[in-house]
Amino acid sequence: MNMIKTLMAASILSMIAFGASAATLTATGDTLDSTEAVIAAKAKAIGAESYTITSARVGNIVTMSAETK
């Protein structure tokens, strides 16, 4: 019983730590540069140290996603 409680507590704490360390950001814009600037501003606003662009789609508009670190 004590082992189950310990495992549950460790699982919950690891989920909380993971959720606090990464966020997904999305933005749209007219150019790659302007869209990345929006991503950078959003990352700065939430206090992220850095971000990695995970996808970018260019059509009539640019859609970009990023993960913060």
PDB file of N, CA and C in Angstrom:
ATOM      1  N   MET A   1       0.826  -1.190   0.000  1.00  0.00           N
ATOM      2  CA  MET A   1       0.000   0.000   0.000  1.00  0.00           C
ATOM      3  C   MET A   1       0.871   1.253   0.000  1.00  0.00           C
ATOM      4  N   ASN A   2       1.915   1.228   0.827  1.00  0.00           N
ATOM      5  CA  ASN A   2       2.809   2.375   0.897  1.00  0.00           C
ATOM      6  C   ASN A   2       3.526   2.584  -0.435  1.00  0.00           C
ATOM      7  N   MET A   3       3.872   1.478  -1.117  1.00  0.00           N
ATOM      8  CA  MET A   3       4.548   1.544  -2.412  1.00  0.00           C
ATOM      9  C   MET A   3       3.638   2.181  -3.457  1.00  0.00           C
ATOM     10  N   ILE A   4       2.357   1.863  -3.428  1.00  0.00           N
ATOM     11  CA  ILE A   4       1.396   2.432  -4.374  1.00  0.00           C
ATOM     12  C   ILE A   4       1.292   3.940  -4.169  1.00  0.00           C
ATOM     13  N   LYS A   5       1.214   4.381  -2.932  1.00  0.00           N
ATOM     14  CA  LYS A   5       1.143   5.813  -2.639  1.00  0.00           C
ATOM     15  C   LYS A   5       2.396   6.535  -3.131  1.00  0.00           C
ATOM     16  N   THR A   6       3.548   5.909  -2.941  1.00  0.00           N
ATOM     17  CA  THR A   6       4.809   6.497  -3.383  1.00  0.00           C
ATOM     18  C   THR A   6       4.843   6.620  -4.903  1.00  0.00           C
ATOM     19  N   LEU A   7       4.427   5.586  -5.602  1.00  0.00           N
ATOM     20  CA  LEU A   7       4.399   5.618  -7.059  1.00  0.00           C
ATOM     21  C   LEU A   7       3.407   6.653  -7.587  1.00  0.00           C
ATOM     22  N   MET A   8       2.256   6.749  -6.963  1.00  0.00           N
ATOM     23  CA  MET A   8       1.258   7.740  -7.373  1.00  0.00           C
ATOM     24  C   MET A   8       1.788   9.163  -7.168  1.00  0.00           C
ATOM     25  N   ALA A   9       2.427   9.403  -6.041  1.00  0.00           N
ATOM     26  CA  ALA A   9       2.981  10.721  -5.757  1.00  0.00           C
ATOM     27  C   ALA A   9       4.072  11.071  -6.758  1.00  0.00           C
ATOM     28  N   ALA A  10       4.932  10.125  -7.081  1.00  0.00           N
ATOM     29  CA  ALA A  10       5.998  10.363  -8.059  1.00  0.00           C
ATOM     30  C   ALA A  10       5.413  10.650  -9.436  1.00  0.00           C
ATOM     31  N   SER A  11       4.379   9.931  -9.816  1.00  0.00           N
ATOM     32  CA  SER A  11       3.737  10.148 -11.115  1.00  0.00           C
ATOM     33  C   SER A  11       3.129  11.540 -11.201  1.00  0.00           C
ATOM     34  N   ILE A  12       2.435  11.944 -10.168  1.00  0.00           N
ATOM     35  CA  ILE A  12       1.791  13.257 -10.152  1.00  0.00           C
ATOM     36  C   ILE A  12       2.833  14.375 -10.196  1.00  0.00           C
ATOM     37  N   LEU A  13       3.879  14.231  -9.406  1.00  0.00           N
ATOM     38  CA  LEU A  13       4.930  15.252  -9.401  1.00  0.00           C
ATOM     39  C   LEU A  13       5.647  15.342 -10.737  1.00  0.00           C
ATOM     40  N   SER A  14       5.877  14.228 -11.403  1.00  0.00           N
ATOM     41  CA  SER A  14       6.545  14.271 -12.698  1.00  0.00           C
ATOM     42  C   SER A  14       5.656  14.921 -13.754  1.00  0.00           C
ATOM     43  N   MET A  15       4.338  14.698 -13.690  1.00  0.00           N
ATOM     44  CA  MET A  15       3.428  15.354 -14.630  1.00  0.00           C
ATOM     45  C   MET A  15       3.401  16.857 -14.404  1.00  0.00           C
ATOM     46  N   ILE A  16       3.412  17.278 -13.155  1.00  0.00           N
ATOM     47  CA  ILE A  16       3.414  18.703 -12.846  1.00  0.00           C
ATOM     48  C   ILE A  16       4.700  19.345 -13.346  1.00  0.00           C
ATOM     49  N   ALA A  17       5.821  18.701 -13.101  1.00  0.00           N
ATOM     50  CA  ALA A  17       7.112  19.242 -13.537  1.00  0.00           C
ATOM     51  C   ALA A  17       7.186  19.321 -15.050  1.00  0.00           C
ATOM     52  N   PHE A  18       6.692  18.303 -15.755  1.00  0.00           N
ATOM     53  CA  PHE A  18       6.718  18.318 -17.210  1.00  0.00           C
ATOM     54  C   PHE A  18       5.815  19.412 -17.750  1.00  0.00           C
ATOM     55  N   GLY A  19       4.649  19.571 -17.178  1.00  0.00           N
ATOM     56  CA  GLY A  19       3.716  20.590 -17.644  1.00  0.00           C
ATOM     57  C   GLY A  19       4.235  21.994 -17.443  1.00  0.00           C
ATOM     58  N   ALA A  20       5.011  22.209 -16.408  1.00  0.00           N
ATOM     59  CA  ALA A  20       5.541  23.534 -16.129  1.00  0.00           C
ATOM     60  C   ALA A  20       6.741  23.873 -16.991  1.00  0.00           C
ATOM     61  N   SER A  21       7.403  22.883 -17.554  1.00  0.00           N
ATOM     62  CA  SER A  21       8.636  23.148 -18.274  1.00  0.00           C
ATOM     63  C   SER A  21       8.461  23.346 -19.770  1.00  0.00           C
ATOM     64  N   ALA A  22       7.352  22.973 -20.327  1.00  0.00           N
ATOM     65  CA  ALA A  22       7.177  23.089 -21.771  1.00  0.00           C
ATOM     66  C   ALA A  22       5.791  23.616 -22.097  1.00  0.00           C
ATOM     67  N   ALA A  23       5.755  24.441 -23.108  1.00  0.00           N
ATOM     68  CA  ALA A  23       4.478  24.961 -23.589  1.00  0.00           C
ATOM     69  C   ALA A  23       4.512  24.961 -25.113  1.00  0.00           C
ATOM     70  N   THR A  24       3.354  24.794 -25.721  1.00  0.00           N
ATOM     71  CA  THR A  24       3.245  24.855 -27.170  1.00  0.00           C
ATOM     72  C   THR A  24       2.713  26.229 -27.552  1.00  0.00           C
ATOM     73  N   LEU A  25       3.409  26.868 -28.460  1.00  0.00           N
ATOM     74  CA  LEU A  25       3.012  28.184 -28.945  1.00  0.00           C
ATOM     75  C   LEU A  25       2.640  28.070 -30.412  1.00  0.00           C
ATOM     76  N   THR A  26       1.626  28.820 -30.831  1.00  0.00           N
ATOM     77  CA  THR A  26       1.256  28.876 -32.243  1.00  0.00           C
ATOM     78  C   THR A  26       1.074  30.326 -32.644  1.00  0.00           C
ATOM     79  N   ALA A  27       1.307  30.600 -33.919  1.00  0.00           N
ATOM     80  CA  ALA A  27       1.141  31.965 -34.429  1.00  0.00           C
ATOM     81  C   ALA A  27       0.887  31.915 -35.922  1.00  0.00           C
ATOM     82  N   THR A  28       0.264  32.962 -36.411  1.00  0.00           N
ATOM     83  CA  THR A  28       0.074  33.125 -37.849  1.00  0.00           C
ATOM     84  C   THR A  28       0.567  34.513 -38.240  1.00  0.00           C
ATOM     85  N   GLY A  29       0.958  34.653 -39.502  1.00  0.00           N
ATOM     86  CA  GLY A  29       1.435  35.937 -39.985  1.00  0.00           C
ATOM     87  C   GLY A  29       1.551  35.931 -41.495  1.00  0.00           C
ATOM     88  N   ASP A  30       2.082  37.026 -42.018  1.00  0.00           N
ATOM     89  CA  ASP A  30       2.222  37.173 -43.466  1.00  0.00           C
ATOM     90  C   ASP A  30       3.541  36.613 -43.991  1.00  0.00           C
ATOM     91  N   THR A  31       4.593  36.650 -43.165  1.00  0.00           N
ATOM     92  CA  THR A  31       5.911  36.150 -43.569  1.00  0.00           C
ATOM     93  C   THR A  31       6.471  35.250 -42.472  1.00  0.00           C
ATOM     94  N   LEU A  32       7.494  34.476 -42.842  1.00  0.00           N
ATOM     95  CA  LEU A  32       8.153  33.634 -41.840  1.00  0.00           C
ATOM     96  C   LEU A  32       8.754  34.485 -40.728  1.00  0.00           C
ATOM     97  N   ASP A  33       9.401  35.594 -41.100  1.00  0.00           N
ATOM     98  CA  ASP A  33      10.030  36.461 -40.104  1.00  0.00           C
ATOM     99  C   ASP A  33       9.021  37.070 -39.136  1.00  0.00           C
ATOM    100  N   SER A  34       7.920  37.574 -39.654  1.00  0.00           N
ATOM    101  CA  SER A  34       6.933  38.201 -38.770  1.00  0.00           C
ATOM    102  C   SER A  34       6.261  37.170 -37.865  1.00  0.00           C
ATOM    103  N   THR A  35       6.057  35.976 -38.382  1.00  0.00           N
ATOM    104  CA  THR A  35       5.438  34.924 -37.582  1.00  0.00           C
ATOM    105  C   THR A  35       6.394  34.445 -36.494  1.00  0.00           C
ATOM    106  N   GLU A  36       7.677  34.325 -36.818  1.00  0.00           N
ATOM    107  CA  GLU A  36       8.646  33.945 -35.800  1.00  0.00           C
ATOM    108  C   GLU A  36       8.766  35.037 -34.735  1.00  0.00           C
ATOM    109  N   ALA A  37       8.617  36.282 -35.128  1.00  0.00           N
ATOM    110  CA  ALA A  37       8.650  37.375 -34.153  1.00  0.00           C
ATOM    111  C   ALA A  37       7.495  37.252 -33.165  1.00  0.00           C
ATOM    112  N   VAL A  38       6.339  36.830 -33.638  1.00  0.00           N
ATOM    113  CA  VAL A  38       5.190  36.614 -32.751  1.00  0.00           C
ATOM    114  C   VAL A  38       5.491  35.466 -31.784  1.00  0.00           C
ATOM    115  N   ILE A  39       6.076  34.382 -32.297  1.00  0.00           N
ATOM    116  CA  ILE A  39       6.459  33.255 -31.438  1.00  0.00           C
ATOM    117  C   ILE A  39       7.451  33.719 -30.379  1.00  0.00           C
ATOM    118  N   ALA A  40       8.449  34.493 -30.797  1.00  0.00           N
ATOM    119  CA  ALA A  40       9.462  34.992 -29.857  1.00  0.00           C
ATOM    120  C   ALA A  40       8.838  35.860 -28.779  1.00  0.00           C
ATOM    121  N   ALA A  41       7.901  36.717 -29.159  1.00  0.00           N
ATOM    122  CA  ALA A  41       7.234  37.584 -28.182  1.00  0.00           C
ATOM    123  C   ALA A  41       6.405  36.769 -27.198  1.00  0.00           C
ATOM    124  N   LYS A  42       5.714  35.747 -27.694  1.00  0.00           N
ATOM    125  CA  LYS A  42       4.917  34.887 -26.807  1.00  0.00           C
ATOM    126  C   LYS A  42       5.817  34.121 -25.846  1.00  0.00           C
ATOM    127  N   ALA A  43       6.942  33.618 -26.344  1.00  0.00           N
ATOM    128  CA  ALA A  43       7.870  32.885 -25.483  1.00  0.00           C
ATOM    129  C   ALA A  43       8.432  33.795 -24.402  1.00  0.00           C
ATOM    130  N   LYS A  44       8.779  35.011 -24.779  1.00  0.00           N
ATOM    131  CA  LYS A  44       9.308  35.969 -23.807  1.00  0.00           C
ATOM    132  C   LYS A  44       8.254  36.317 -22.755  1.00  0.00           C
ATOM    133  N   ALA A  45       6.999  36.437 -23.192  1.00  0.00           N
ATOM    134  CA  ALA A  45       5.912  36.807 -22.286  1.00  0.00           C
ATOM    135  C   ALA A  45       5.670  35.758 -21.205  1.00  0.00           C
ATOM    136  N   ILE A  46       5.919  34.494 -21.533  1.00  0.00           N
ATOM    137  CA  ILE A  46       5.703  33.446 -20.525  1.00  0.00           C
ATOM    138  C   ILE A  46       6.994  33.099 -19.786  1.00  0.00           C
ATOM    139  N   GLY A  47       8.075  33.797 -20.108  1.00  0.00           N
ATOM    140  CA  GLY A  47       9.327  33.604 -19.391  1.00  0.00           C
ATOM    141  C   GLY A  47      10.141  32.403 -19.838  1.00  0.00           C
ATOM    142  N   ALA A  48       9.922  31.944 -21.064  1.00  0.00           N
ATOM    143  CA  ALA A  48      10.677  30.796 -21.572  1.00  0.00           C
ATOM    144  C   ALA A  48      12.114  31.204 -21.892  1.00  0.00           C
ATOM    145  N   GLU A  49      13.053  30.314 -21.594  1.00  0.00           N
ATOM    146  CA  GLU A  49      14.459  30.573 -21.891  1.00  0.00           C
ATOM    147  C   GLU A  49      14.735  30.497 -23.382  1.00  0.00           C
ATOM    148  N   SER A  50      14.065  29.568 -24.066  1.00  0.00           N
ATOM    149  CA  SER A  50      14.258  29.399 -25.501  1.00  0.00           C
ATOM    150  C   SER A  50      13.039  28.678 -26.072  1.00  0.00           C
ATOM    151  N   TYR A  51      13.029  28.563 -27.393  1.00  0.00           N
ATOM    152  CA  TYR A  51      11.958  27.839 -28.061  1.00  0.00           C
ATOM    153  C   TYR A  51      12.528  27.139 -29.289  1.00  0.00           C
ATOM    154  N   THR A  52      11.835  26.109 -29.723  1.00  0.00           N
ATOM    155  CA  THR A  52      12.196  25.376 -30.927  1.00  0.00           C
ATOM    156  C   THR A  52      10.984  25.348 -31.842  1.00  0.00           C
ATOM    157  N   ILE A  53      11.154  25.810 -33.058  1.00  0.00           N
ATOM    158  CA  ILE A  53      10.054  25.768 -34.024  1.00  0.00           C
ATOM    159  C   ILE A  53       9.871  24.323 -34.453  1.00  0.00           C
ATOM    160  N   THR A  54       8.659  23.822 -34.284  1.00  0.00           N
ATOM    161  CA  THR A  54       8.371  22.423 -34.597  1.00  0.00           C
ATOM    162  C   THR A  54       7.687  22.255 -35.945  1.00  0.00           C
ATOM    163  N   SER A  55       7.013  23.308 -36.418  1.00  0.00           N
ATOM    164  CA  SER A  55       6.399  23.231 -37.743  1.00  0.00           C
ATOM    165  C   SER A  55       6.135  24.628 -38.268  1.00  0.00           C
ATOM    166  N   ALA A  56       6.162  24.727 -39.584  1.00  0.00           N
ATOM    167  CA  ALA A  56       5.819  25.977 -40.256  1.00  0.00           C
ATOM    168  C   ALA A  56       5.179  25.619 -41.581  1.00  0.00           C
ATOM    169  N   ARG A  57       4.069  26.257 -41.863  1.00  0.00           N
ATOM    170  CA  ARG A  57       3.345  25.995 -43.103  1.00  0.00           C
ATOM    171  C   ARG A  57       3.141  27.318 -43.811  1.00  0.00           C
ATOM    172  N   VAL A  58       3.514  27.354 -45.076  1.00  0.00           N
ATOM    173  CA  VAL A  58       3.395  28.574 -45.853  1.00  0.00           C
ATOM    174  C   VAL A  58       2.376  28.352 -46.960  1.00  0.00           C
ATOM    175  N   GLY A  59       1.358  29.171 -46.961  1.00  0.00           N
ATOM    176  CA  GLY A  59       0.339  29.180 -48.005  1.00  0.00           C
ATOM    177  C   GLY A  59      -0.012  30.640 -48.234  1.00  0.00           C
ATOM    178  N   ASN A  60      -1.275  30.969 -48.172  1.00  0.00           N
ATOM    179  CA  ASN A  60      -1.671  32.379 -48.219  1.00  0.00           C
ATOM    180  C   ASN A  60      -1.218  33.117 -46.964  1.00  0.00           C
ATOM    181  N   ILE A  61      -1.132  32.380 -45.875  1.00  0.00           N
ATOM    182  CA  ILE A  61      -0.584  32.895 -44.618  1.00  0.00           C
ATOM    183  C   ILE A  61       0.424  31.887 -44.073  1.00  0.00           C
ATOM    184  N   VAL A  62       1.230  32.318 -43.128  1.00  0.00           N
ATOM    185  CA  VAL A  62       2.204  31.422 -42.495  1.00  0.00           C
ATOM    186  C   VAL A  62       1.626  30.995 -41.146  1.00  0.00           C
ATOM    187  N   THR A  63       1.645  29.694 -40.902  1.00  0.00           N
ATOM    188  CA  THR A  63       1.233  29.145 -39.624  1.00  0.00           C
ATOM    189  C   THR A  63       2.437  28.446 -39.018  1.00  0.00           C
ATOM    190  N   MET A  64       2.731  28.760 -37.757  1.00  0.00           N
ATOM    191  CA  MET A  64       3.938  28.234 -37.115  1.00  0.00           C
ATOM    192  C   MET A  64       3.611  27.728 -35.721  1.00  0.00           C
ATOM    193  N   SER A  65       4.287  26.631 -35.327  1.00  0.00           N
ATOM    194  CA  SER A  65       4.167  26.080 -33.981  1.00  0.00           C
ATOM    195  C   SER A  65       5.564  25.969 -33.393  1.00  0.00           C
ATOM    196  N   ALA A  66       5.642  26.107 -32.077  1.00  0.00           N
ATOM    197  CA  ALA A  66       6.925  25.993 -31.388  1.00  0.00           C
ATOM    198  C   ALA A  66       6.708  25.416 -30.001  1.00  0.00           C
ATOM    199  N   GLU A  67       7.762  24.801 -29.472  1.00  0.00           N
ATOM    200  CA  GLU A  67       7.793  24.279 -28.107  1.00  0.00           C
ATOM    201  C   GLU A  67       8.794  25.101 -27.319  1.00  0.00           C
ATOM    202  N   THR A  68       8.411  25.519 -26.119  1.00  0.00           N
ATOM    203  CA  THR A  68       9.343  26.255 -25.272  1.00  0.00           C
ATOM    204  C   THR A  68      10.161  25.286 -24.443  1.00  0.00           C
ATOM    205  N   LYS A  69      11.281  25.797 -23.951  1.00  0.00           N
ATOM    206  CA  LYS A  69      12.158  24.975 -23.097  1.00  0.00           C
ATOM    207  C   LYS A  69      12.300  25.625 -21.765  1.00  0.00           C
TER     208      LYS A  69
END
